Amino acid sequence: KKEAEEKTKNVEEFFFQLLDKGMEDFEETEEEYEIVTLQENFEIVKEQLEKKGISLKEALITYIPLNKVTVKKENEETTLKLLSALEDYDDTQNLVTNAVFT
């Protein structure tokens, strides 16, 4: 138990250091952390993780919508068809939406 508490304390301290380097937010799952930062702080935070010897499963810059829109039930099917059609379009590389489905 003491070892687990020490590990938790070290992780918390490290994330506080990342906040000072520009990390905006993070999400923890059982297997990984998702770290959110502004684009201009991306490389700084990435370097800090690498210096600490933390292996990165994936490191990328992506768009996260600030304003999300809840799609009404009667519009869900049409919206999903539109998103699917956009994904299938050859020139689409990464599709991001602010739609929230209930």
N, C-alpha and C. Protein backbone atom coordinates (compact mmCIF):
# COMPACT_ATOMS: atom_id res chain seq x y z
N LYS A 1 0.83 -1.20 0.00
CA LYS A 1 0.00 0.00 0.00
C LYS A 1 0.87 1.25 0.00
N LYS A 2 1.93 1.23 0.78
CA LYS A 2 2.82 2.38 0.85
C LYS A 2 3.46 2.67 -0.51
N GLU A 3 3.82 1.61 -1.23
CA GLU A 3 4.41 1.76 -2.56
C GLU A 3 3.43 2.40 -3.53
N ALA A 4 2.16 1.99 -3.45
CA ALA A 4 1.12 2.57 -4.32
C ALA A 4 0.91 4.04 -3.99
N GLU A 5 0.93 4.40 -2.72
CA GLU A 5 0.77 5.79 -2.31
C GLU A 5 1.93 6.64 -2.81
N GLU A 6 3.15 6.10 -2.72
CA GLU A 6 4.34 6.81 -3.19
C GLU A 6 4.28 7.03 -4.70
N LYS A 7 3.84 6.01 -5.43
CA LYS A 7 3.72 6.12 -6.89
C LYS A 7 2.69 7.19 -7.25
N THR A 8 1.55 7.18 -6.55
CA THR A 8 0.51 8.18 -6.78
C THR A 8 1.04 9.58 -6.51
N LYS A 9 1.78 9.74 -5.43
CA LYS A 9 2.36 11.04 -5.08
C LYS A 9 3.32 11.51 -6.17
N ASN A 10 4.17 10.60 -6.67
CA ASN A 10 5.12 10.95 -7.73
C ASN A 10 4.41 11.35 -9.01
N VAL A 11 3.34 10.63 -9.35
CA VAL A 11 2.57 10.95 -10.56
C VAL A 11 1.93 12.32 -10.41
N GLU A 12 1.35 12.59 -9.24
CA GLU A 12 0.72 13.89 -9.00
C GLU A 12 1.74 15.02 -9.11
N GLU A 13 2.92 14.84 -8.51
CA GLU A 13 3.96 15.86 -8.58
C GLU A 13 4.39 16.10 -10.03
N PHE A 14 4.52 15.03 -10.78
CA PHE A 14 4.91 15.16 -12.18
C PHE A 14 3.86 15.92 -12.98
N PHE A 15 2.59 15.64 -12.73
CA PHE A 15 1.54 16.35 -13.47
C PHE A 15 1.48 17.82 -13.07
N PHE A 16 1.81 18.14 -11.83
CA PHE A 16 1.89 19.55 -11.44
C PHE A 16 3.04 20.24 -12.19
N GLN A 17 4.15 19.52 -12.40
CA GLN A 17 5.25 20.06 -13.19
C GLN A 17 4.82 20.29 -14.63
N LEU A 18 4.04 19.36 -15.17
CA LEU A 18 3.54 19.52 -16.54
C LEU A 18 2.60 20.71 -16.66
N LEU A 19 1.82 20.97 -15.61
CA LEU A 19 0.95 22.16 -15.63
C LEU A 19 1.79 23.42 -15.79
N ASP A 20 2.93 23.45 -15.10
CA ASP A 20 3.84 24.60 -15.22
C ASP A 20 4.43 24.71 -16.62
N LYS A 21 4.52 23.61 -17.34
CA LYS A 21 5.09 23.60 -18.69
C LYS A 21 4.04 23.82 -19.77
N GLY A 22 2.76 23.89 -19.39
CA GLY A 22 1.73 24.20 -20.39
C GLY A 22 0.64 23.17 -20.56
N MET A 23 0.65 22.09 -19.77
CA MET A 23 -0.43 21.12 -19.88
C MET A 23 -1.73 21.79 -19.43
N GLU A 24 -2.80 21.58 -20.17
CA GLU A 24 -4.10 22.17 -19.86
C GLU A 24 -4.95 21.21 -19.01
N ASP A 25 -4.93 19.93 -19.36
CA ASP A 25 -5.81 18.97 -18.72
C ASP A 25 -5.27 17.57 -18.99
N PHE A 26 -5.72 16.61 -18.20
CA PHE A 26 -5.40 15.22 -18.50
C PHE A 26 -6.53 14.33 -18.01
N GLU A 27 -6.62 13.18 -18.65
CA GLU A 27 -7.62 12.19 -18.30
C GLU A 27 -6.90 10.87 -18.05
N GLU A 28 -7.26 10.20 -16.99
CA GLU A 28 -6.60 8.96 -16.62
C GLU A 28 -7.55 7.78 -16.80
N THR A 29 -7.05 6.73 -17.44
CA THR A 29 -7.77 5.47 -17.51
C THR A 29 -6.91 4.44 -16.78
N GLU A 30 -7.34 3.21 -16.75
CA GLU A 30 -6.56 2.18 -16.07
C GLU A 30 -5.21 1.96 -16.73
N GLU A 31 -5.14 2.16 -18.05
CA GLU A 31 -3.93 1.83 -18.79
C GLU A 31 -3.12 3.02 -19.29
N GLU A 32 -3.74 4.21 -19.34
CA GLU A 32 -3.02 5.33 -19.95
C GLU A 32 -3.55 6.68 -19.48
N TYR A 33 -2.82 7.71 -19.86
CA TYR A 33 -3.22 9.09 -19.61
C TYR A 33 -3.40 9.78 -20.96
N GLU A 34 -4.39 10.64 -21.04
CA GLU A 34 -4.55 11.50 -22.20
C GLU A 34 -4.27 12.92 -21.73
N ILE A 35 -3.28 13.54 -22.34
CA ILE A 35 -2.86 14.87 -21.92
C ILE A 35 -3.28 15.88 -22.98
N VAL A 36 -3.88 16.98 -22.52
CA VAL A 36 -4.35 18.03 -23.42
C VAL A 36 -3.52 19.28 -23.15
N THR A 37 -3.03 19.88 -24.23
CA THR A 37 -2.25 21.11 -24.13
C THR A 37 -2.56 21.99 -25.33
N LEU A 38 -2.24 23.24 -25.21
CA LEU A 38 -2.37 24.13 -26.35
C LEU A 38 -1.30 23.77 -27.38
N GLN A 39 -1.57 24.07 -28.62
CA GLN A 39 -0.65 23.72 -29.70
C GLN A 39 0.76 24.26 -29.45
N GLU A 40 0.85 25.50 -28.95
CA GLU A 40 2.17 26.10 -28.76
C GLU A 40 2.97 25.44 -27.63
N ASN A 41 2.30 24.66 -26.76
CA ASN A 41 2.99 23.97 -25.67
C ASN A 41 3.19 22.48 -25.95
N PHE A 42 2.75 22.03 -27.10
CA PHE A 42 2.77 20.60 -27.42
C PHE A 42 4.17 20.00 -27.31
N GLU A 43 5.13 20.60 -27.99
CA GLU A 43 6.50 20.06 -28.00
C GLU A 43 7.13 20.10 -26.61
N ILE A 44 6.88 21.16 -25.87
CA ILE A 44 7.45 21.29 -24.52
C ILE A 44 6.95 20.17 -23.62
N VAL A 45 5.65 19.94 -23.63
CA VAL A 45 5.07 18.89 -22.79
C VAL A 45 5.54 17.52 -23.27
N LYS A 46 5.58 17.32 -24.56
CA LYS A 46 6.05 16.05 -25.13
C LYS A 46 7.49 15.76 -24.70
N GLU A 47 8.34 16.78 -24.77
CA GLU A 47 9.74 16.62 -24.35
C GLU A 47 9.85 16.27 -22.87
N GLN A 48 9.01 16.87 -22.04
CA GLN A 48 9.04 16.58 -20.61
C GLN A 48 8.67 15.12 -20.35
N LEU A 49 7.69 14.63 -21.08
CA LEU A 49 7.29 13.24 -20.93
C LEU A 49 8.43 12.30 -21.35
N GLU A 50 9.06 12.63 -22.47
CA GLU A 50 10.15 11.80 -22.97
C GLU A 50 11.35 11.83 -22.03
N LYS A 51 11.67 13.01 -21.45
CA LYS A 51 12.77 13.13 -20.50
C LYS A 51 12.53 12.26 -19.26
N LYS A 52 11.27 12.13 -18.90
CA LYS A 52 10.90 11.34 -17.72
C LYS A 52 10.89 9.84 -18.05
N GLY A 53 11.12 9.50 -19.32
CA GLY A 53 11.15 8.10 -19.73
C GLY A 53 9.79 7.49 -19.93
N ILE A 54 8.80 8.35 -20.14
CA ILE A 54 7.43 7.87 -20.36
C ILE A 54 7.25 7.61 -21.84
N SER A 55 6.88 6.36 -22.17
CA SER A 55 6.67 6.03 -23.57
C SER A 55 5.33 6.58 -24.03
N LEU A 56 5.34 7.14 -25.23
CA LEU A 56 4.14 7.75 -25.78
C LEU A 56 3.50 6.78 -26.76
N LYS A 57 2.27 6.41 -26.48
CA LYS A 57 1.52 5.55 -27.39
C LYS A 57 1.22 6.31 -28.67
N GLU A 58 0.90 7.59 -28.49
CA GLU A 58 0.55 8.45 -29.61
C GLU A 58 0.75 9.90 -29.17
N ALA A 59 1.26 10.71 -30.04
CA ALA A 59 1.42 12.14 -29.77
C ALA A 59 0.99 12.89 -31.02
N LEU A 60 -0.11 13.61 -30.92
CA LEU A 60 -0.61 14.31 -32.09
C LEU A 60 -1.35 15.57 -31.70
N ILE A 61 -1.43 16.45 -32.67
CA ILE A 61 -2.19 17.68 -32.49
C ILE A 61 -3.53 17.48 -33.17
N THR A 62 -4.58 17.73 -32.44
CA THR A 62 -5.92 17.56 -32.99
C THR A 62 -6.81 18.71 -32.51
N TYR A 63 -7.90 18.88 -33.18
CA TYR A 63 -8.86 19.92 -32.83
C TYR A 63 -9.83 19.38 -31.79
N ILE A 64 -10.02 20.14 -30.72
CA ILE A 64 -11.02 19.79 -29.71
C ILE A 64 -12.02 20.94 -29.68
N PRO A 65 -13.28 20.67 -30.04
CA PRO A 65 -14.26 21.76 -30.09
C PRO A 65 -14.52 22.39 -28.72
N LEU A 66 -14.60 23.70 -28.71
CA LEU A 66 -14.89 24.42 -27.47
C LEU A 66 -16.38 24.37 -27.16
N ASN A 67 -17.19 24.45 -28.20
CA ASN A 67 -18.64 24.45 -28.03
C ASN A 67 -19.22 23.18 -28.65
N LYS A 68 -19.90 22.42 -27.83
CA LYS A 68 -20.52 21.20 -28.33
C LYS A 68 -22.01 21.42 -28.52
N VAL A 69 -22.56 20.73 -29.51
CA VAL A 69 -23.97 20.88 -29.84
C VAL A 69 -24.66 19.52 -29.68
N THR A 70 -25.71 19.50 -28.90
CA THR A 70 -26.47 18.26 -28.72
C THR A 70 -27.41 18.10 -29.90
N VAL A 71 -27.31 16.94 -30.54
CA VAL A 71 -28.14 16.65 -31.70
C VAL A 71 -29.45 16.04 -31.21
N LYS A 72 -30.56 16.60 -31.69
CA LYS A 72 -31.87 16.08 -31.30
C LYS A 72 -32.06 14.68 -31.88
N LYS A 73 -32.83 13.87 -31.19
CA LYS A 73 -33.08 12.48 -31.61
C LYS A 73 -33.52 12.40 -33.06
N GLU A 74 -34.42 13.27 -33.47
CA GLU A 74 -34.96 13.21 -34.83
C GLU A 74 -33.92 13.59 -35.89
N ASN A 75 -32.81 14.21 -35.47
CA ASN A 75 -31.76 14.61 -36.42
C ASN A 75 -30.52 13.70 -36.36
N GLU A 76 -30.51 12.75 -35.45
CA GLU A 76 -29.33 11.91 -35.27
C GLU A 76 -28.97 11.11 -36.52
N GLU A 77 -29.96 10.46 -37.11
CA GLU A 77 -29.69 9.61 -38.28
C GLU A 77 -29.11 10.43 -39.43
N THR A 78 -29.71 11.57 -39.71
CA THR A 78 -29.24 12.42 -40.80
C THR A 78 -27.83 12.93 -40.52
N THR A 79 -27.58 13.33 -39.29
CA THR A 79 -26.26 13.83 -38.92
C THR A 79 -25.20 12.74 -39.03
N LEU A 80 -25.54 11.53 -38.59
CA LEU A 80 -24.60 10.41 -38.69
C LEU A 80 -24.31 10.05 -40.15
N LYS A 81 -25.34 10.14 -41.00
CA LYS A 81 -25.12 9.88 -42.43
C LYS A 81 -24.19 10.92 -43.03
N LEU A 82 -24.37 12.18 -42.66
CA LEU A 82 -23.50 13.24 -43.14
C LEU A 82 -22.06 13.02 -42.69
N LEU A 83 -21.86 12.71 -41.42
CA LEU A 83 -20.52 12.46 -40.90
C LEU A 83 -19.87 11.26 -41.60
N SER A 84 -20.65 10.23 -41.82
CA SER A 84 -20.15 9.04 -42.50
C SER A 84 -19.73 9.37 -43.93
N ALA A 85 -20.55 10.16 -44.63
CA ALA A 85 -20.23 10.56 -46.00
C ALA A 85 -18.96 11.41 -46.04
N LEU A 86 -18.80 12.29 -45.08
CA LEU A 86 -17.59 13.11 -45.02
C LEU A 86 -16.36 12.26 -44.75
N GLU A 87 -16.48 11.27 -43.87
CA GLU A 87 -15.36 10.36 -43.58
C GLU A 87 -14.96 9.56 -44.81
N ASP A 88 -15.95 9.17 -45.62
CA ASP A 88 -15.68 8.36 -46.81
C ASP A 88 -15.06 9.16 -47.95
N TYR A 89 -15.17 10.48 -47.87
CA TYR A 89 -14.63 11.34 -48.92
C TYR A 89 -13.10 11.21 -48.94
N ASP A 90 -12.53 10.99 -50.11
CA ASP A 90 -11.08 10.72 -50.25
C ASP A 90 -10.19 11.82 -49.68
N ASP A 91 -10.61 13.06 -49.76
CA ASP A 91 -9.78 14.16 -49.31
C ASP A 91 -9.87 14.41 -47.80
N THR A 92 -10.74 13.69 -47.12
CA THR A 92 -10.87 13.86 -45.67
C THR A 92 -9.75 13.10 -44.97
N GLN A 93 -8.99 13.82 -44.14
CA GLN A 93 -7.91 13.18 -43.40
C GLN A 93 -8.34 12.87 -41.97
N ASN A 94 -8.84 13.86 -41.29
CA ASN A 94 -9.31 13.68 -39.91
C ASN A 94 -10.62 14.42 -39.75
N LEU A 95 -11.64 13.73 -39.35
CA LEU A 95 -12.94 14.35 -39.17
C LEU A 95 -13.18 14.60 -37.69
N VAL A 96 -13.49 15.83 -37.36
CA VAL A 96 -13.79 16.21 -35.99
C VAL A 96 -15.16 16.85 -35.99
N THR A 97 -15.94 16.55 -34.98
CA THR A 97 -17.27 17.13 -34.89
C THR A 97 -17.51 17.66 -33.49
N ASN A 98 -18.39 18.63 -33.39
CA ASN A 98 -18.80 19.11 -32.08
C ASN A 98 -20.18 18.57 -31.72
N ALA A 99 -20.65 17.62 -32.50
CA ALA A 99 -21.97 17.01 -32.26
C ALA A 99 -21.90 16.05 -31.07
N VAL A 100 -22.91 16.14 -30.23
CA VAL A 100 -23.05 15.22 -29.08
C VAL A 100 -24.35 14.48 -29.28
N PHE A 101 -24.27 13.16 -29.28
CA PHE A 101 -25.47 12.34 -29.47
C PHE A 101 -25.93 11.82 -28.11
N THR A 102 -27.24 11.92 -27.89
CA THR A 102 -27.78 11.48 -26.59
C THR A 102 -28.15 10.02 -26.59
